[in-house]
Amino acid sequence: SAGIDEVPGVYKDIHEVMAAQTDLVEVLG
């Protein structure tokens, strides 16, 4: 279940967001 206002297309590309903050965090999993 979910609302149509929460589908993937309403969000930014998470990979681009993570690439923009490599100086803030490192990925462990």
mmCIF file of all heavy atoms, coordinates in Angstrom:
data_MODEL
# 
_entry.id   MODEL 
# 
loop_
_atom_site.group_PDB 
_atom_site.id 
_atom_site.type_symbol 
_atom_site.label_atom_id 
_atom_site.label_alt_id 
_atom_site.label_comp_id 
_atom_site.label_asym_id 
_atom_site.label_entity_id 
_atom_site.label_seq_id 
_atom_site.pdbx_PDB_ins_code 
_atom_site.Cartn_x 
_atom_site.Cartn_y 
_atom_site.Cartn_z 
_atom_site.occupancy 
_atom_site.B_iso_or_equiv 
_atom_site.pdbx_formal_charge 
_atom_site.auth_seq_id 
_atom_site.auth_comp_id 
_atom_site.auth_asym_id 
_atom_site.auth_atom_id 
_atom_site.pdbx_PDB_model_num 
ATOM 1   N N   . SER A 1 1  ? 0.845  -1.193 0.000   1.00 0.00 ? 1  SER A N   1 
ATOM 2   C CA  . SER A 1 1  ? 0.000  0.000  0.000   1.00 0.00 ? 1  SER A CA  1 
ATOM 3   C C   . SER A 1 1  ? 0.876  1.237  0.000   1.00 0.00 ? 1  SER A C   1 
ATOM 4   O O   . SER A 1 1  ? 2.003  1.220  0.515   1.00 0.00 ? 1  SER A O   1 
ATOM 5   C CB  . SER A 1 1  ? -0.936 0.016  1.222   1.00 0.00 ? 1  SER A CB  1 
ATOM 6   O OG  . SER A 1 1  ? -0.190 0.001  2.428   1.00 0.00 ? 1  SER A OG  1 
ATOM 7   N N   . ALA A 1 2  ? 0.354  2.315  -0.571  1.00 0.00 ? 2  ALA A N   1 
ATOM 8   C CA  . ALA A 1 2  ? 1.058  3.609  -0.603  1.00 0.00 ? 2  ALA A CA  1 
ATOM 9   C C   . ALA A 1 2  ? 0.175  4.608  -1.321  1.00 0.00 ? 2  ALA A C   1 
ATOM 10  O O   . ALA A 1 2  ? -0.763 4.237  -2.033  1.00 0.00 ? 2  ALA A O   1 
ATOM 11  C CB  . ALA A 1 2  ? 2.406  3.502  -1.314  1.00 0.00 ? 2  ALA A CB  1 
ATOM 12  N N   . GLY A 1 3  ? 0.479  5.874  -1.158  1.00 0.00 ? 3  GLY A N   1 
ATOM 13  C CA  . GLY A 1 3  ? -0.186 6.919  -1.913  1.00 0.00 ? 3  GLY A CA  1 
ATOM 14  C C   . GLY A 1 3  ? 0.556  7.157  -3.215  1.00 0.00 ? 3  GLY A C   1 
ATOM 15  O O   . GLY A 1 3  ? 1.774  6.972  -3.290  1.00 0.00 ? 3  GLY A O   1 
ATOM 16  N N   . ILE A 1 4  ? -0.154 7.584  -4.244  1.00 0.00 ? 4  ILE A N   1 
ATOM 17  C CA  . ILE A 1 4  ? 0.471  7.861  -5.537  1.00 0.00 ? 4  ILE A CA  1 
ATOM 18  C C   . ILE A 1 4  ? 1.474  9.001  -5.425  1.00 0.00 ? 4  ILE A C   1 
ATOM 19  O O   . ILE A 1 4  ? 2.371  9.155  -6.268  1.00 0.00 ? 4  ILE A O   1 
ATOM 20  C CB  . ILE A 1 4  ? -0.606 8.195  -6.603  1.00 0.00 ? 4  ILE A CB  1 
ATOM 21  C CG1 . ILE A 1 4  ? -0.025 8.139  -8.017  1.00 0.00 ? 4  ILE A CG1 1 
ATOM 22  C CG2 . ILE A 1 4  ? -1.250 9.545  -6.321  1.00 0.00 ? 4  ILE A CG2 1 
ATOM 23  C CD1 . ILE A 1 4  ? 0.319  6.760  -8.489  1.00 0.00 ? 4  ILE A CD1 1 
ATOM 24  N N   . ASP A 1 5  ? 1.353  9.805  -4.350  1.00 0.00 ? 5  ASP A N   1 
ATOM 25  C CA  . ASP A 1 5  ? 2.294  10.920 -4.141  1.00 0.00 ? 5  ASP A CA  1 
ATOM 26  C C   . ASP A 1 5  ? 3.602  10.474 -3.509  1.00 0.00 ? 5  ASP A C   1 
ATOM 27  O O   . ASP A 1 5  ? 4.439  11.304 -3.149  1.00 0.00 ? 5  ASP A O   1 
ATOM 28  C CB  . ASP A 1 5  ? 1.656  12.015 -3.292  1.00 0.00 ? 5  ASP A CB  1 
ATOM 29  C CG  . ASP A 1 5  ? 1.053  11.493 -1.999  1.00 0.00 ? 5  ASP A CG  1 
ATOM 30  O OD1 . ASP A 1 5  ? 1.051  10.263 -1.794  1.00 0.00 ? 5  ASP A OD1 1 
ATOM 31  O OD2 . ASP A 1 5  ? 0.570  12.307 -1.193  1.00 0.00 ? 5  ASP A OD2 1 
ATOM 32  N N   . GLU A 1 6  ? 3.814  9.151  -3.379  1.00 0.00 ? 6  GLU A N   1 
ATOM 33  C CA  . GLU A 1 6  ? 5.067  8.633  -2.831  1.00 0.00 ? 6  GLU A CA  1 
ATOM 34  C C   . GLU A 1 6  ? 5.787  7.699  -3.796  1.00 0.00 ? 6  GLU A C   1 
ATOM 35  O O   . GLU A 1 6  ? 6.684  6.972  -3.395  1.00 0.00 ? 6  GLU A O   1 
ATOM 36  C CB  . GLU A 1 6  ? 4.797  7.896  -1.510  1.00 0.00 ? 6  GLU A CB  1 
ATOM 37  C CG  . GLU A 1 6  ? 4.588  8.821  -0.335  1.00 0.00 ? 6  GLU A CG  1 
ATOM 38  C CD  . GLU A 1 6  ? 5.803  9.690  -0.052  1.00 0.00 ? 6  GLU A CD  1 
ATOM 39  O OE1 . GLU A 1 6  ? 6.939  9.213  -0.230  1.00 0.00 ? 6  GLU A OE1 1 
ATOM 40  O OE2 . GLU A 1 6  ? 5.618  10.857 0.328   1.00 0.00 ? 6  GLU A OE2 1 
ATOM 41  N N   . VAL A 1 7  ? 5.388  7.696  -5.059  1.00 0.00 ? 7  VAL A N   1 
ATOM 42  C CA  . VAL A 1 7  ? 6.004  6.804  -6.037  1.00 0.00 ? 7  VAL A CA  1 
ATOM 43  C C   . VAL A 1 7  ? 7.427  7.271  -6.348  1.00 0.00 ? 7  VAL A C   1 
ATOM 44  O O   . VAL A 1 7  ? 7.795  8.417  -6.059  1.00 0.00 ? 7  VAL A O   1 
ATOM 45  C CB  . VAL A 1 7  ? 5.153  6.723  -7.316  1.00 0.00 ? 7  VAL A CB  1 
ATOM 46  C CG1 . VAL A 1 7  ? 3.756  6.193  -6.983  1.00 0.00 ? 7  VAL A CG1 1 
ATOM 47  C CG2 . VAL A 1 7  ? 5.064  8.083  -8.010  1.00 0.00 ? 7  VAL A CG2 1 
ATOM 48  N N   . PRO A 1 8  ? 8.256  6.397  -6.922  1.00 0.00 ? 8  PRO A N   1 
ATOM 49  C CA  . PRO A 1 8  ? 9.681  6.756  -7.134  1.00 0.00 ? 8  PRO A CA  1 
ATOM 50  C C   . PRO A 1 8  ? 9.902  8.055  -7.895  1.00 0.00 ? 8  PRO A C   1 
ATOM 51  O O   . PRO A 1 8  ? 10.865 8.783  -7.620  1.00 0.00 ? 8  PRO A O   1 
ATOM 52  C CB  . PRO A 1 8  ? 10.207 5.551  -7.916  1.00 0.00 ? 8  PRO A CB  1 
ATOM 53  C CG  . PRO A 1 8  ? 9.337  4.410  -7.493  1.00 0.00 ? 8  PRO A CG  1 
ATOM 54  C CD  . PRO A 1 8  ? 7.974  5.001  -7.295  1.00 0.00 ? 8  PRO A CD  1 
ATOM 55  N N   . GLY A 1 9  ? 9.003  8.374  -8.849  1.00 0.00 ? 9  GLY A N   1 
ATOM 56  C CA  . GLY A 1 9  ? 9.215  9.552  -9.672  1.00 0.00 ? 9  GLY A CA  1 
ATOM 57  C C   . GLY A 1 9  ? 9.129  10.880 -8.955  1.00 0.00 ? 9  GLY A C   1 
ATOM 58  O O   . GLY A 1 9  ? 9.507  11.908 -9.520  1.00 0.00 ? 9  GLY A O   1 
ATOM 59  N N   . VAL A 1 10 ? 8.635  10.889 -7.718  1.00 0.00 ? 10 VAL A N   1 
ATOM 60  C CA  . VAL A 1 10 ? 8.549  12.164 -6.992  1.00 0.00 ? 10 VAL A CA  1 
ATOM 61  C C   . VAL A 1 10 ? 9.863  12.490 -6.290  1.00 0.00 ? 10 VAL A C   1 
ATOM 62  O O   . VAL A 1 10 ? 9.993  13.553 -5.688  1.00 0.00 ? 10 VAL A O   1 
ATOM 63  C CB  . VAL A 1 10 ? 7.398  12.169 -5.960  1.00 0.00 ? 10 VAL A CB  1 
ATOM 64  C CG1 . VAL A 1 10 ? 6.090  11.774 -6.623  1.00 0.00 ? 10 VAL A CG1 1 
ATOM 65  C CG2 . VAL A 1 10 ? 7.701  11.272 -4.772  1.00 0.00 ? 10 VAL A CG2 1 
ATOM 66  N N   . TYR A 1 11 ? 10.840 11.571 -6.378  1.00 0.00 ? 11 TYR A N   1 
ATOM 67  C CA  . TYR A 1 11 ? 12.100 11.764 -5.668  1.00 0.00 ? 11 TYR A CA  1 
ATOM 68  C C   . TYR A 1 11 ? 13.281 11.973 -6.610  1.00 0.00 ? 11 TYR A C   1 
ATOM 69  O O   . TYR A 1 11 ? 13.270 11.533 -7.761  1.00 0.00 ? 11 TYR A O   1 
ATOM 70  C CB  . TYR A 1 11 ? 12.381 10.555 -4.767  1.00 0.00 ? 11 TYR A CB  1 
ATOM 71  C CG  . TYR A 1 11 ? 11.479 10.528 -3.557  1.00 0.00 ? 11 TYR A CG  1 
ATOM 72  C CD1 . TYR A 1 11 ? 10.338 9.738  -3.528  1.00 0.00 ? 11 TYR A CD1 1 
ATOM 73  C CD2 . TYR A 1 11 ? 11.748 11.325 -2.446  1.00 0.00 ? 11 TYR A CD2 1 
ATOM 74  C CE1 . TYR A 1 11 ? 9.489  9.730  -2.432  1.00 0.00 ? 11 TYR A CE1 1 
ATOM 75  C CE2 . TYR A 1 11 ? 10.916 11.332 -1.351  1.00 0.00 ? 11 TYR A CE2 1 
ATOM 76  C CZ  . TYR A 1 11 ? 9.786  10.536 -1.343  1.00 0.00 ? 11 TYR A CZ  1 
ATOM 77  O OH  . TYR A 1 11 ? 8.950  10.548 -0.259  1.00 0.00 ? 11 TYR A OH  1 
ATOM 78  N N   . LYS A 1 12 ? 14.300 12.629 -6.090  1.00 0.00 ? 12 LYS A N   1 
ATOM 79  C CA  . LYS A 1 12 ? 15.550 12.803 -6.821  1.00 0.00 ? 12 LYS A CA  1 
ATOM 80  C C   . LYS A 1 12 ? 16.257 11.457 -6.966  1.00 0.00 ? 12 LYS A C   1 
ATOM 81  O O   . LYS A 1 12 ? 15.928 10.486 -6.279  1.00 0.00 ? 12 LYS A O   1 
ATOM 82  C CB  . LYS A 1 12 ? 16.480 13.777 -6.074  1.00 0.00 ? 12 LYS A CB  1 
ATOM 83  C CG  . LYS A 1 12 ? 15.917 15.170 -5.899  1.00 0.00 ? 12 LYS A CG  1 
ATOM 84  C CD  . LYS A 1 12 ? 16.895 16.043 -5.112  1.00 0.00 ? 12 LYS A CD  1 
ATOM 85  C CE  . LYS A 1 12 ? 16.308 17.426 -4.867  1.00 0.00 ? 12 LYS A CE  1 
ATOM 86  N NZ  . LYS A 1 12 ? 17.242 18.299 -4.107  1.00 0.00 ? 12 LYS A NZ  1 
ATOM 87  N N   . ASP A 1 13 ? 17.222 11.410 -7.839  1.00 0.00 ? 13 ASP A N   1 
ATOM 88  C CA  . ASP A 1 13 ? 18.052 10.227 -8.014  1.00 0.00 ? 13 ASP A CA  1 
ATOM 89  C C   . ASP A 1 13 ? 18.937 10.079 -6.781  1.00 0.00 ? 13 ASP A C   1 
ATOM 90  O O   . ASP A 1 13 ? 19.818 10.909 -6.533  1.00 0.00 ? 13 ASP A O   1 
ATOM 91  C CB  . ASP A 1 13 ? 18.899 10.383 -9.278  1.00 0.00 ? 13 ASP A CB  1 
ATOM 92  C CG  . ASP A 1 13 ? 19.711 9.141  -9.612  1.00 0.00 ? 13 ASP A CG  1 
ATOM 93  O OD1 . ASP A 1 13 ? 20.094 8.402  -8.669  1.00 0.00 ? 13 ASP A OD1 1 
ATOM 94  O OD2 . ASP A 1 13 ? 19.992 8.918  -10.793 1.00 0.00 ? 13 ASP A OD2 1 
ATOM 95  N N   . ILE A 1 14 ? 18.705 9.042  -5.990  1.00 0.00 ? 14 ILE A N   1 
ATOM 96  C CA  . ILE A 1 14 ? 19.459 8.864  -4.748  1.00 0.00 ? 14 ILE A CA  1 
ATOM 97  C C   . ILE A 1 14 ? 20.955 8.718  -5.012  1.00 0.00 ? 14 ILE A C   1 
ATOM 98  O O   . ILE A 1 14 ? 21.777 9.143  -4.188  1.00 0.00 ? 14 ILE A O   1 
ATOM 99  C CB  . ILE A 1 14 ? 18.931 7.645  -3.947  1.00 0.00 ? 14 ILE A CB  1 
ATOM 100 C CG1 . ILE A 1 14 ? 19.624 7.530  -2.587  1.00 0.00 ? 14 ILE A CG1 1 
ATOM 101 C CG2 . ILE A 1 14 ? 19.087 6.363  -4.749  1.00 0.00 ? 14 ILE A CG2 1 
ATOM 102 C CD1 . ILE A 1 14 ? 19.427 8.710  -1.663  1.00 0.00 ? 14 ILE A CD1 1 
ATOM 103 N N   . HIS A 1 15 ? 21.325 8.164  -6.160  1.00 0.00 ? 15 HIS A N   1 
ATOM 104 C CA  . HIS A 1 15 ? 22.748 8.008  -6.473  1.00 0.00 ? 15 HIS A CA  1 
ATOM 105 C C   . HIS A 1 15 ? 23.408 9.375  -6.689  1.00 0.00 ? 15 HIS A C   1 
ATOM 106 O O   . HIS A 1 15 ? 24.565 9.586  -6.281  1.00 0.00 ? 15 HIS A O   1 
ATOM 107 C CB  . HIS A 1 15 ? 22.928 7.115  -7.699  1.00 0.00 ? 15 HIS A CB  1 
ATOM 108 C CG  . HIS A 1 15 ? 22.394 5.726  -7.514  1.00 0.00 ? 15 HIS A CG  1 
ATOM 109 N ND1 . HIS A 1 15 ? 23.035 4.799  -6.709  1.00 0.00 ? 15 HIS A ND1 1 
ATOM 110 C CD2 . HIS A 1 15 ? 21.281 5.120  -7.998  1.00 0.00 ? 15 HIS A CD2 1 
ATOM 111 C CE1 . HIS A 1 15 ? 22.344 3.661  -6.724  1.00 0.00 ? 15 HIS A CE1 1 
ATOM 112 N NE2 . HIS A 1 15 ? 21.277 3.830  -7.490  1.00 0.00 ? 15 HIS A NE2 1 
ATOM 113 N N   . GLU A 1 16 ? 22.679 10.306 -7.297  1.00 0.00 ? 16 GLU A N   1 
ATOM 114 C CA  . GLU A 1 16 ? 23.221 11.657 -7.473  1.00 0.00 ? 16 GLU A CA  1 
ATOM 115 C C   . GLU A 1 16 ? 23.341 12.366 -6.128  1.00 0.00 ? 16 GLU A C   1 
ATOM 116 O O   . GLU A 1 16 ? 24.308 13.099 -5.883  1.00 0.00 ? 16 GLU A O   1 
ATOM 117 C CB  . GLU A 1 16 ? 22.328 12.456 -8.425  1.00 0.00 ? 16 GLU A CB  1 
ATOM 118 C CG  . GLU A 1 16 ? 22.343 11.955 -9.859  1.00 0.00 ? 16 GLU A CG  1 
ATOM 119 C CD  . GLU A 1 16 ? 21.481 12.795 -10.777 1.00 0.00 ? 16 GLU A CD  1 
ATOM 120 O OE1 . GLU A 1 16 ? 20.893 13.792 -10.295 1.00 0.00 ? 16 GLU A OE1 1 
ATOM 121 O OE2 . GLU A 1 16 ? 21.390 12.461 -11.983 1.00 0.00 ? 16 GLU A OE2 1 
ATOM 122 N N   . VAL A 1 17 ? 22.350 12.159 -5.267  1.00 0.00 ? 17 VAL A N   1 
ATOM 123 C CA  . VAL A 1 17 ? 22.400 12.768 -3.936  1.00 0.00 ? 17 VAL A CA  1 
ATOM 124 C C   . VAL A 1 17 ? 23.595 12.231 -3.153  1.00 0.00 ? 17 VAL A C   1 
ATOM 125 O O   . VAL A 1 17 ? 24.337 12.997 -2.518  1.00 0.00 ? 17 VAL A O   1 
ATOM 126 C CB  . VAL A 1 17 ? 21.091 12.485 -3.166  1.00 0.00 ? 17 VAL A CB  1 
ATOM 127 C CG1 . VAL A 1 17 ? 21.216 12.915 -1.702  1.00 0.00 ? 17 VAL A CG1 1 
ATOM 128 C CG2 . VAL A 1 17 ? 19.929 13.222 -3.826  1.00 0.00 ? 17 VAL A CG2 1 
ATOM 129 N N   . MET A 1 18 ? 23.821 10.922 -3.204  1.00 0.00 ? 18 MET A N   1 
ATOM 130 C CA  . MET A 1 18 ? 24.953 10.335 -2.483  1.00 0.00 ? 18 MET A CA  1 
ATOM 131 C C   . MET A 1 18 ? 26.282 10.814 -3.075  1.00 0.00 ? 18 MET A C   1 
ATOM 132 O O   . MET A 1 18 ? 27.245 11.067 -2.338  1.00 0.00 ? 18 MET A O   1 
ATOM 133 C CB  . MET A 1 18 ? 24.870 8.814  -2.518  1.00 0.00 ? 18 MET A CB  1 
ATOM 134 C CG  . MET A 1 18 ? 23.653 8.223  -1.806  1.00 0.00 ? 18 MET A CG  1 
ATOM 135 S SD  . MET A 1 18 ? 23.503 8.705  -0.065  1.00 0.00 ? 18 MET A SD  1 
ATOM 136 C CE  . MET A 1 18 ? 24.966 7.910  0.624   1.00 0.00 ? 18 MET A CE  1 
ATOM 137 N N   . ALA A 1 19 ? 26.329 10.953 -4.389  1.00 0.00 ? 19 ALA A N   1 
ATOM 138 C CA  . ALA A 1 19 ? 27.565 11.420 -5.034  1.00 0.00 ? 19 ALA A CA  1 
ATOM 139 C C   . ALA A 1 19 ? 27.905 12.845 -4.640  1.00 0.00 ? 19 ALA A C   1 
ATOM 140 O O   . ALA A 1 19 ? 29.085 13.236 -4.648  1.00 0.00 ? 19 ALA A O   1 
ATOM 141 C CB  . ALA A 1 19 ? 27.422 11.317 -6.554  1.00 0.00 ? 19 ALA A CB  1 
ATOM 142 N N   . ALA A 1 20 ? 26.882 13.622 -4.273  1.00 0.00 ? 20 ALA A N   1 
ATOM 143 C CA  . ALA A 1 20 ? 27.103 15.024 -3.902  1.00 0.00 ? 20 ALA A CA  1 
ATOM 144 C C   . ALA A 1 20 ? 27.580 15.182 -2.467  1.00 0.00 ? 20 ALA A C   1 
ATOM 145 O O   . ALA A 1 20 ? 27.903 16.298 -2.045  1.00 0.00 ? 20 ALA A O   1 
ATOM 146 C CB  . ALA A 1 20 ? 25.819 15.824 -4.108  1.00 0.00 ? 20 ALA A CB  1 
ATOM 147 N N   . GLN A 1 21 ? 27.620 14.084 -1.693  1.00 0.00 ? 21 GLN A N   1 
ATOM 148 C CA  . GLN A 1 21 ? 27.998 14.208 -0.282  1.00 0.00 ? 21 GLN A CA  1 
ATOM 149 C C   . GLN A 1 21 ? 29.045 13.172 0.132   1.00 0.00 ? 21 GLN A C   1 
ATOM 150 O O   . GLN A 1 21 ? 29.058 12.698 1.269   1.00 0.00 ? 21 GLN A O   1 
ATOM 151 C CB  . GLN A 1 21 ? 26.767 14.105 0.607   1.00 0.00 ? 21 GLN A CB  1 
ATOM 152 C CG  . GLN A 1 21 ? 25.921 12.868 0.426   1.00 0.00 ? 21 GLN A CG  1 
ATOM 153 C CD  . GLN A 1 21 ? 24.666 12.885 1.288   1.00 0.00 ? 21 GLN A CD  1 
ATOM 154 O OE1 . GLN A 1 21 ? 24.514 13.686 2.211   1.00 0.00 ? 21 GLN A OE1 1 
ATOM 155 N NE2 . GLN A 1 21 ? 23.747 11.979 1.003   1.00 0.00 ? 21 GLN A NE2 1 
ATOM 156 N N   . THR A 1 22 ? 29.943 12.849 -0.782  1.00 0.00 ? 22 THR A N   1 
ATOM 157 C CA  . THR A 1 22 ? 31.009 11.899 -0.456  1.00 0.00 ? 22 THR A CA  1 
ATOM 158 C C   . THR A 1 22 ? 31.972 12.456 0.588   1.00 0.00 ? 22 THR A C   1 
ATOM 159 O O   . THR A 1 22 ? 32.697 11.698 1.230   1.00 0.00 ? 22 THR A O   1 
ATOM 160 C CB  . THR A 1 22 ? 31.793 11.502 -1.714  1.00 0.00 ? 22 THR A CB  1 
ATOM 161 O OG1 . THR A 1 22 ? 32.287 12.689 -2.363  1.00 0.00 ? 22 THR A OG1 1 
ATOM 162 C CG2 . THR A 1 22 ? 30.904 10.735 -2.685  1.00 0.00 ? 22 THR A CG2 1 
ATOM 163 N N   . ASP A 1 23 ? 31.979 13.769 0.755   1.00 0.00 ? 23 ASP A N   1 
ATOM 164 C CA  . ASP A 1 23 ? 32.827 14.368 1.789   1.00 0.00 ? 23 ASP A CA  1 
ATOM 165 C C   . ASP A 1 23 ? 32.120 14.411 3.142   1.00 0.00 ? 23 ASP A C   1 
ATOM 166 O O   . ASP A 1 23 ? 32.706 14.845 4.137   1.00 0.00 ? 23 ASP A O   1 
ATOM 167 C CB  . ASP A 1 23 ? 33.262 15.774 1.387   1.00 0.00 ? 23 ASP A CB  1 
ATOM 168 C CG  . ASP A 1 23 ? 32.091 16.710 1.097   1.00 0.00 ? 23 ASP A CG  1 
ATOM 169 O OD1 . ASP A 1 23 ? 30.998 16.206 0.758   1.00 0.00 ? 23 ASP A OD1 1 
ATOM 170 O OD2 . ASP A 1 23 ? 32.265 17.931 1.203   1.00 0.00 ? 23 ASP A OD2 1 
ATOM 171 N N   . LEU A 1 24 ? 30.859 13.958 3.174   1.00 0.00 ? 24 LEU A N   1 
ATOM 172 C CA  . LEU A 1 24 ? 30.094 13.967 4.413   1.00 0.00 ? 24 LEU A CA  1 
ATOM 173 C C   . LEU A 1 24 ? 29.946 12.575 5.020   1.00 0.00 ? 24 LEU A C   1 
ATOM 174 O O   . LEU A 1 24 ? 29.963 12.429 6.244   1.00 0.00 ? 24 LEU A O   1 
ATOM 175 C CB  . LEU A 1 24 ? 28.704 14.567 4.179   1.00 0.00 ? 24 LEU A CB  1 
ATOM 176 C CG  . LEU A 1 24 ? 28.651 15.948 3.515   1.00 0.00 ? 24 LEU A CG  1 
ATOM 177 C CD1 . LEU A 1 24 ? 27.205 16.426 3.421   1.00 0.00 ? 24 LEU A CD1 1 
ATOM 178 C CD2 . LEU A 1 24 ? 29.505 16.952 4.286   1.00 0.00 ? 24 LEU A CD2 1 
ATOM 179 N N   . VAL A 1 25 ? 29.772 11.560 4.168   1.00 0.00 ? 25 VAL A N   1 
ATOM 180 C CA  . VAL A 1 25 ? 29.557 10.189 4.650   1.00 0.00 ? 25 VAL A CA  1 
ATOM 181 C C   . VAL A 1 25 ? 30.244 9.197  3.720   1.00 0.00 ? 25 VAL A C   1 
ATOM 182 O O   . VAL A 1 25 ? 30.519 9.489  2.555   1.00 0.00 ? 25 VAL A O   1 
ATOM 183 C CB  . VAL A 1 25 ? 28.056 9.826  4.727   1.00 0.00 ? 25 VAL A CB  1 
ATOM 184 C CG1 . VAL A 1 25 ? 27.348 10.622 5.803   1.00 0.00 ? 25 VAL A CG1 1 
ATOM 185 C CG2 . VAL A 1 25 ? 27.381 10.007 3.368   1.00 0.00 ? 25 VAL A CG2 1 
ATOM 186 N N   . GLU A 1 26 ? 30.507 7.979  4.263   1.00 0.00 ? 26 GLU A N   1 
ATOM 187 C CA  . GLU A 1 26 ? 30.956 6.858  3.441   1.00 0.00 ? 26 GLU A CA  1 
ATOM 188 C C   . GLU A 1 26 ? 29.955 5.727  3.598   1.00 0.00 ? 26 GLU A C   1 
ATOM 189 O O   . GLU A 1 26 ? 29.347 5.560  4.662   1.00 0.00 ? 26 GLU A O   1 
ATOM 190 C CB  . GLU A 1 26 ? 32.355 6.394  3.861   1.00 0.00 ? 26 GLU A CB  1 
ATOM 191 C CG  . GLU A 1 26 ? 32.497 6.003  5.317   1.00 0.00 ? 26 GLU A CG  1 
ATOM 192 C CD  . GLU A 1 26 ? 33.938 5.707  5.688   1.00 0.00 ? 26 GLU A CD  1 
ATOM 193 O OE1 . GLU A 1 26 ? 34.729 5.369  4.790   1.00 0.00 ? 26 GLU A OE1 1 
ATOM 194 O OE2 . GLU A 1 26 ? 34.281 5.828  6.881   1.00 0.00 ? 26 GLU A OE2 1 
ATOM 195 N N   . VAL A 1 27 ? 29.750 4.961  2.532   1.00 0.00 ? 27 VAL A N   1 
ATOM 196 C CA  . VAL A 1 27 ? 28.742 3.911  2.504   1.00 0.00 ? 27 VAL A CA  1 
ATOM 197 C C   . VAL A 1 27 ? 29.301 2.611  3.073   1.00 0.00 ? 27 VAL A C   1 
ATOM 198 O O   . VAL A 1 27 ? 30.359 2.145  2.663   1.00 0.00 ? 27 VAL A O   1 
ATOM 199 C CB  . VAL A 1 27 ? 28.224 3.695  1.072   1.00 0.00 ? 27 VAL A CB  1 
ATOM 200 C CG1 . VAL A 1 27 ? 27.265 2.514  1.014   1.00 0.00 ? 27 VAL A CG1 1 
ATOM 201 C CG2 . VAL A 1 27 ? 27.545 4.958  0.561   1.00 0.00 ? 27 VAL A CG2 1 
ATOM 202 N N   . LEU A 1 28 ? 28.542 2.007  4.005   1.00 0.00 ? 28 LEU A N   1 
ATOM 203 C CA  . LEU A 1 28 ? 28.950 0.753  4.636   1.00 0.00 ? 28 LEU A CA  1 
ATOM 204 C C   . LEU A 1 28 ? 28.052 -0.415 4.241   1.00 0.00 ? 28 LEU A C   1 
ATOM 205 O O   . LEU A 1 28 ? 28.290 -1.556 4.646   1.00 0.00 ? 28 LEU A O   1 
ATOM 206 C CB  . LEU A 1 28 ? 28.935 0.881  6.167   1.00 0.00 ? 28 LEU A CB  1 
ATOM 207 C CG  . LEU A 1 28 ? 30.185 1.454  6.842   1.00 0.00 ? 28 LEU A CG  1 
ATOM 208 C CD1 . LEU A 1 28 ? 30.467 2.865  6.378   1.00 0.00 ? 28 LEU A CD1 1 
ATOM 209 C CD2 . LEU A 1 28 ? 30.031 1.428  8.355   1.00 0.00 ? 28 LEU A CD2 1 
ATOM 210 N N   . GLY A 1 29 ? 27.017 -0.168 3.484   1.00 0.00 ? 29 GLY A N   1 
ATOM 211 C CA  . GLY A 1 29 ? 26.122 -1.230 3.060   1.00 0.00 ? 29 GLY A CA  1 
ATOM 212 C C   . GLY A 1 29 ? 24.946 -0.646 2.301   1.00 0.00 ? 29 GLY A C   1 
ATOM 213 O O   . GLY A 1 29 ? 24.642 0.553  2.428   1.00 0.00 ? 29 GLY A O   1 
# 
